């Protein structure tokens, strides 16, 4: 096993997957990896929601992981990589765990099964079966507004006892539930928020970090929010948060990751803002707003 339990803290980036003309854009992917590999992030999530993982063919997903890993090695970076997986068929997910067991990853981020709406007993059995089977540690991904089922805290605490389940991406959309989980969890069970707009609030409540799409932009400020709070500098952390809080609304003004991809394209980090259907690129109105914000921030930085 890797040390994912010890690494699952701070600022993690759910890396977007660049496309061009319907294909994985390997040139842009290498550029992204080099850029963010040099930033103050603590790990990468690949092929999950922000990475449009459900649209990736098996060969593309494997190539995505290989390129990011190779670029990290070439740059002498050691940031951990978690692979996002999702599905509503436990047996098929076990097959995917087998198929990816020898990939250069450090763990998995596995979303709740969608559409079928299992009971809490079903969720418990599902995740325990995957954790028993996986060659790498698992972090759970609770997102009831996408999966139509919430992992209740009682179930989560049972799962946290499993030695191969090391943490959670918390998109439960209930601060009350999150605070109760942070209070009752085992001390070595890591909880990272996945709600960008609640990043500062979650860290103040005791979360171990965040998996934050918006950190593709102004990465240093998002990282500083975490580091300042760790040092006990609440006012300094709040000041850094105020620099980027509006970004978390702008980058989710339309379905993600299209707004972030537009920003990265305009900034020259990727060669196309292309997303895959049923996602579509941002509206002309939002594109103009994003372009204006990029220009404003460039003037402030100058």
Protein backbone atom coordinates (compact mmCIF):
# COMPACT_ATOMS: atom_id res chain seq x y z
CA UNK A 1 0.00 0.00 0.00
CA UNK A 2 1.06 3.59 -0.57
CA UNK A 3 0.99 6.35 2.01
CA UNK A 4 -2.14 7.95 0.57
CA UNK A 5 -3.69 8.29 4.02
CA UNK A 6 -0.79 10.56 5.02
CA UNK A 7 -0.84 12.43 1.70
CA UNK A 8 -4.55 13.16 1.58
CA UNK A 9 -4.55 16.70 2.89
CA UNK A 10 -4.09 20.25 1.66
CA UNK A 11 -5.00 21.42 -1.83
CA UNK A 12 -5.70 18.76 -4.46
CA UNK A 13 -6.38 19.63 -8.08
CA UNK A 14 -9.05 17.71 -10.05
CA UNK A 15 -7.23 18.20 -13.33
CA UNK A 16 -9.28 19.01 -16.42
CA UNK A 17 -8.76 16.73 -19.41
CA UNK A 18 -7.90 18.75 -22.53
CA UNK A 19 -9.39 17.71 -25.86
CA UNK A 20 -8.83 18.92 -29.39
CA UNK A 21 -10.75 17.81 -32.47
CA UNK A 22 -12.37 15.00 -30.50
CA UNK A 23 -9.12 13.54 -29.22
CA UNK A 24 -7.14 13.68 -26.01
CA UNK A 25 -4.85 16.71 -26.42
CA UNK A 26 -1.57 15.26 -25.19
CA UNK A 27 0.43 18.42 -25.87
CA UNK A 28 -1.87 20.53 -23.68
CA UNK A 29 -1.97 17.79 -21.05
CA UNK A 30 1.80 17.81 -20.77
CA UNK A 31 1.77 21.61 -20.50
CA UNK A 32 -0.87 21.50 -17.77
CA UNK A 33 1.01 18.87 -15.80
CA UNK A 34 4.28 20.77 -15.93
CA UNK A 35 2.55 23.98 -14.91
CA UNK A 36 0.58 22.61 -11.97
CA UNK A 37 3.33 20.22 -10.95
CA UNK A 38 5.35 23.33 -10.10
CA UNK A 39 2.51 24.88 -8.08
CA UNK A 40 1.76 24.51 -4.37
CA UNK A 41 -0.76 21.70 -4.76
CA UNK A 42 -0.60 18.46 -2.80
CA UNK A 43 -1.98 15.99 -5.33
CA UNK A 44 -3.87 15.35 -8.55
CA UNK A 45 -7.25 13.75 -9.18
CA UNK A 46 -7.48 12.39 -12.74
CA UNK A 47 -10.51 11.31 -14.74
CA UNK A 48 -13.15 12.28 -12.21
CA UNK A 49 -15.98 14.80 -12.64
CA UNK A 50 -13.80 17.78 -13.55
CA UNK A 51 -11.75 15.56 -15.84
CA UNK A 52 -14.86 14.41 -17.76
CA UNK A 53 -13.94 10.85 -16.83
CA UNK A 54 -17.26 9.36 -17.89
CA UNK A 55 -16.54 10.41 -21.50
CA UNK A 56 -13.04 8.91 -21.61
CA UNK A 57 -12.42 5.66 -23.47
CA UNK A 58 -10.36 3.07 -21.62
CA UNK A 59 -7.29 3.74 -23.74
CA UNK A 60 -7.60 7.49 -23.19
CA UNK A 61 -7.85 7.12 -19.43
CA UNK A 62 -4.76 4.94 -19.32
CA UNK A 63 -2.89 7.39 -21.56
CA UNK A 64 -4.00 10.29 -19.36
CA UNK A 65 -2.54 8.65 -16.27
CA UNK A 66 0.67 7.65 -18.05
CA UNK A 67 1.32 11.16 -19.39
CA UNK A 68 0.74 12.88 -16.05
CA UNK A 69 2.94 10.34 -14.28
CA UNK A 70 5.71 10.61 -16.87
CA UNK A 71 5.70 14.40 -16.75
CA UNK A 72 5.88 14.32 -12.96
CA UNK A 73 8.84 11.96 -13.07
CA UNK A 74 10.58 14.05 -15.74
CA UNK A 75 10.12 17.15 -13.59
CA UNK A 76 11.24 15.31 -10.46
CA UNK A 77 7.90 15.95 -8.79
CA UNK A 78 6.41 13.56 -6.26
CA UNK A 79 2.78 14.63 -6.04
CA UNK A 80 0.39 11.69 -5.56
CA UNK A 81 -2.19 10.76 -8.19
CA UNK A 82 -5.70 9.45 -7.52
CA UNK A 83 -7.78 7.97 -10.32
CA UNK A 84 -11.47 8.82 -10.40
CA UNK A 85 -13.82 5.92 -10.99
CA UNK A 86 -17.60 5.76 -10.98
CA UNK A 87 -20.37 3.38 -11.83
CA UNK A 88 -23.53 1.69 -10.60
CA UNK A 89 -22.39 -1.92 -11.10
CA UNK A 90 -20.20 -3.20 -8.26
CA UNK A 91 -18.93 -6.17 -10.26
CA UNK A 92 -17.93 -3.96 -13.19
CA UNK A 93 -16.12 -1.57 -10.86
CA UNK A 94 -14.20 -4.50 -9.39
CA UNK A 95 -13.14 -5.34 -12.95
CA UNK A 96 -11.95 -1.74 -13.39
CA UNK A 97 -9.92 -2.04 -10.21
CA UNK A 98 -8.24 -5.12 -11.68
CA UNK A 99 -7.65 -3.40 -15.02
CA UNK A 100 -5.97 -0.41 -13.38
CA UNK A 101 -4.11 -2.21 -10.59
CA UNK A 102 -0.70 -1.82 -12.23
CA UNK A 103 -1.18 1.78 -13.37
CA UNK A 104 1.16 4.39 -11.82
CA UNK A 105 -1.34 5.74 -9.31
CA UNK A 106 -1.50 6.13 -5.54
CA UNK A 107 -5.17 5.46 -4.99
CA UNK A 108 -8.74 5.85 -6.20
CA UNK A 109 -11.51 8.38 -5.75
CA UNK A 110 -14.71 6.36 -6.12
CA UNK A 111 -18.08 8.05 -6.45
CA UNK A 112 -21.33 6.81 -5.02
CA UNK A 113 -23.27 4.59 -7.43
CA UNK A 114 -25.61 6.75 -9.44
CA UNK A 115 -29.20 6.27 -10.67
CA UNK A 116 -29.96 3.01 -8.83
CA UNK A 117 -30.34 4.72 -5.43
CA UNK A 118 -29.19 1.85 -3.16
CA UNK A 119 -30.03 1.68 0.52
CA UNK A 120 -27.46 2.49 3.18
CA UNK A 121 -26.84 -1.26 3.57
CA UNK A 122 -26.28 -1.43 -0.17
CA UNK A 123 -23.81 1.47 -0.08
CA UNK A 124 -21.94 -0.18 2.79
CA UNK A 125 -21.70 -3.51 0.98
CA UNK A 126 -20.74 -1.81 -2.31
CA UNK A 127 -17.83 0.17 -0.92
CA UNK A 128 -16.62 -2.63 1.34
CA UNK A 129 -16.52 -5.00 -1.64
CA UNK A 130 -14.48 -2.48 -3.62
CA UNK A 131 -12.13 -1.76 -0.73
CA UNK A 132 -11.57 -5.47 -0.14
CA UNK A 133 -10.71 -5.92 -3.81
CA UNK A 134 -8.60 -2.84 -4.59
CA UNK A 135 -4.83 -2.94 -4.87
CA UNK A 136 -4.67 0.76 -3.92
CA UNK A 137 -6.35 2.76 -1.15
CA UNK A 138 -9.78 4.30 -1.72
CA UNK A 139 -11.18 7.73 -1.00
CA UNK A 140 -14.96 7.93 -1.17
CA UNK A 141 -16.81 10.62 -3.14
CA UNK A 142 -20.15 11.59 -1.63
CA UNK A 143 -22.19 13.80 -3.99
CA UNK A 144 -25.91 13.19 -3.53
CA UNK A 145 -26.94 15.93 -5.96
CA UNK A 146 -25.29 13.90 -8.75
CA UNK A 147 -25.84 10.33 -7.53
CA UNK A 148 -29.31 10.80 -5.97
CA UNK A 149 -28.19 9.04 -2.78
CA UNK A 150 -26.39 10.41 0.27
CA UNK A 151 -23.88 8.36 2.24
CA UNK A 152 -25.20 8.87 5.76
CA UNK A 153 -22.68 9.56 8.51
CA UNK A 154 -23.49 6.27 10.25
CA UNK A 155 -22.56 4.44 7.04
CA UNK A 156 -19.52 6.65 6.51
CA UNK A 157 -18.19 5.92 9.98
CA UNK A 158 -18.57 2.17 9.36
CA UNK A 159 -16.65 2.54 6.08
CA UNK A 160 -13.96 4.63 7.80
CA UNK A 161 -13.09 1.57 9.87
CA UNK A 162 -11.98 -0.31 6.74
CA UNK A 163 -8.16 -0.26 6.52
CA UNK A 164 -8.24 0.40 2.76
CA UNK A 165 -10.69 3.33 2.90
CA UNK A 166 -8.64 6.38 3.82
CA UNK A 167 -10.80 9.42 3.26
CA UNK A 168 -13.64 11.30 1.63
CA UNK A 169 -14.31 13.98 -0.95
CA UNK A 170 -17.24 15.68 0.74
CA UNK A 171 -19.84 17.15 -1.60
CA UNK A 172 -22.73 16.31 0.66
CA UNK A 173 -24.06 19.90 0.52
CA UNK A 174 -24.94 19.81 4.24
CA UNK A 175 -22.66 21.71 6.59
CA UNK A 176 -24.41 20.14 9.56
CA UNK A 177 -23.64 16.63 8.30
CA UNK A 178 -20.04 17.59 7.48
CA UNK A 179 -19.39 19.06 10.92
CA UNK A 180 -20.83 15.98 12.61
CA UNK A 181 -18.62 13.73 10.49
CA UNK A 182 -15.52 15.79 11.29
CA UNK A 183 -16.39 15.50 14.99
CA UNK A 184 -17.01 11.75 15.01
CA UNK A 185 -14.56 10.37 12.41
CA UNK A 186 -11.51 8.29 13.31
CA UNK A 187 -8.49 10.58 13.63
CA UNK A 188 -6.77 9.07 10.57
CA UNK A 189 -9.80 9.32 8.26
CA UNK A 190 -9.23 12.30 5.96
CA UNK A 191 -12.04 14.61 4.86
CA UNK A 192 -11.51 17.03 1.98
CA UNK A 193 -14.25 19.34 0.76
CA UNK A 194 -15.21 19.19 -2.88
CA UNK A 195 -17.42 22.28 -2.73
CA UNK A 196 -15.29 25.11 -4.09
CA UNK A 197 -17.46 27.91 -2.73
CA UNK A 198 -17.26 26.39 0.78
CA UNK A 199 -13.48 25.79 0.77
CA UNK A 200 -12.63 28.39 3.43
CA UNK A 201 -15.64 27.51 5.58
CA UNK A 202 -14.86 23.78 5.45
CA UNK A 203 -11.23 24.33 6.43
CA UNK A 204 -12.36 26.47 9.37
CA UNK A 205 -14.69 23.64 10.40
CA UNK A 206 -11.76 21.22 10.50
CA UNK A 207 -11.58 19.64 7.03
CA UNK A 208 -8.16 18.34 6.05
CA UNK A 209 -8.15 20.18 2.73
CA UNK A 210 -10.03 20.52 -0.51
CA UNK A 211 -10.32 19.07 -4.00
CA UNK A 212 -10.91 22.35 -5.77
CA UNK A 213 -11.51 22.85 -9.50
CA UNK A 214 -11.25 26.63 -9.11
CA UNK A 215 -7.62 26.21 -8.04
CA UNK A 216 -6.76 25.89 -11.73
CA UNK A 217 -6.84 29.70 -11.45
CA UNK A 218 -4.91 31.68 -8.82
CA UNK A 219 -3.51 28.41 -7.48
CA UNK A 220 -1.15 30.13 -5.05
CA UNK A 221 -4.00 31.95 -3.33
CA UNK A 222 -6.02 28.78 -2.81
CA UNK A 223 -2.92 27.07 -1.42
CA UNK A 224 -2.25 30.04 0.87
CA UNK A 225 -5.73 29.83 2.38
CA UNK A 226 -4.89 26.34 3.61
CA UNK A 227 -1.34 27.10 4.72
CA UNK A 228 -2.29 30.27 6.60
CA UNK A 229 -5.06 28.47 8.47
CA UNK A 230 -2.66 25.65 9.35
CA UNK A 231 -0.38 28.28 10.90
CA UNK A 232 -3.30 29.75 12.83
CA UNK A 233 -3.40 32.97 10.80
CA UNK A 234 -7.15 33.25 10.33
CA UNK A 235 -7.16 36.87 9.17
CA UNK A 236 -4.44 36.26 6.60
CA UNK A 237 -6.27 33.19 5.33
CA UNK A 238 -9.51 35.17 5.05
CA UNK A 239 -7.75 37.88 3.08
CA UNK A 240 -6.40 35.32 0.61
CA UNK A 241 -9.83 33.70 0.36
CA UNK A 242 -11.43 37.03 -0.46
CA UNK A 243 -9.06 37.27 -3.43
CA UNK A 244 -10.54 34.15 -5.01
CA UNK A 245 -14.00 33.58 -3.54
CA UNK A 246 -15.70 35.17 -6.54
CA UNK A 247 -13.81 32.80 -8.87
CA UNK A 248 -15.62 29.84 -7.30
CA UNK A 249 -18.92 31.34 -8.43
CA UNK A 250 -17.72 32.42 -11.87
CA UNK A 251 -16.20 29.03 -12.71
CA UNK A 252 -19.47 27.28 -11.83
CA UNK A 253 -21.79 29.81 -13.46
CA UNK A 254 -22.41 27.16 -16.13
CA UNK A 255 -21.79 23.41 -15.93
CA UNK A 256 -18.23 22.59 -14.98
CA UNK A 257 -15.57 22.18 -16.34
CA UNK A 258 -16.51 24.30 -19.37
CA UNK A 259 -15.88 27.69 -17.67
CA UNK A 260 -12.50 26.56 -16.33
CA UNK A 261 -11.52 25.22 -19.73
CA UNK A 262 -12.42 28.54 -21.34
CA UNK A 263 -10.24 30.35 -18.80
CA UNK A 264 -7.32 27.97 -19.35
CA UNK A 265 -7.67 28.31 -23.12
CA UNK A 266 -7.68 32.11 -22.96
CA UNK A 267 -4.65 31.92 -20.65
CA UNK A 268 -2.71 29.73 -23.09
CA UNK A 269 -2.50 26.64 -20.89
CA UNK A 270 -4.63 24.51 -23.19
CA UNK A 271 -5.05 24.78 -26.95
CA UNK A 272 -8.84 24.42 -27.03
CA UNK A 273 -11.78 24.90 -24.64
CA UNK A 274 -13.37 21.76 -26.09
CA UNK A 275 -15.61 19.60 -23.90
CA UNK A 276 -17.43 16.40 -24.82
CA UNK A 277 -21.17 16.05 -25.23
CA UNK A 278 -23.44 16.22 -23.40
CA UNK A 279 -21.27 19.04 -22.01
CA UNK A 280 -21.05 22.13 -24.20
CA UNK A 281 -18.70 25.09 -24.25
CA UNK A 282 -19.66 28.23 -22.33
CA UNK A 283 -22.20 30.69 -23.66
CA UNK A 284 -21.02 33.83 -25.40
CA UNK A 285 -22.23 35.86 -22.42
CA UNK A 286 -20.19 33.89 -19.89
CA UNK A 287 -17.19 33.82 -22.25
CA UNK A 288 -17.22 37.62 -22.32
CA UNK A 289 -17.47 37.77 -18.52
CA UNK A 290 -14.56 35.37 -18.08
CA UNK A 291 -12.46 37.25 -20.64
CA UNK A 292 -13.14 40.48 -18.78
CA UNK A 293 -12.13 38.94 -15.45
CA UNK A 294 -8.90 37.58 -16.95
CA UNK A 295 -8.07 41.05 -18.29
CA UNK A 296 -8.90 42.68 -14.95
CA UNK A 297 -6.68 40.30 -13.02
CA UNK A 298 -3.83 40.77 -15.48
CA UNK A 299 -4.00 44.54 -14.95
CA UNK A 300 -4.01 44.12 -11.16
CA UNK A 301 -1.01 41.78 -11.35
CA UNK A 302 0.87 44.26 -13.55
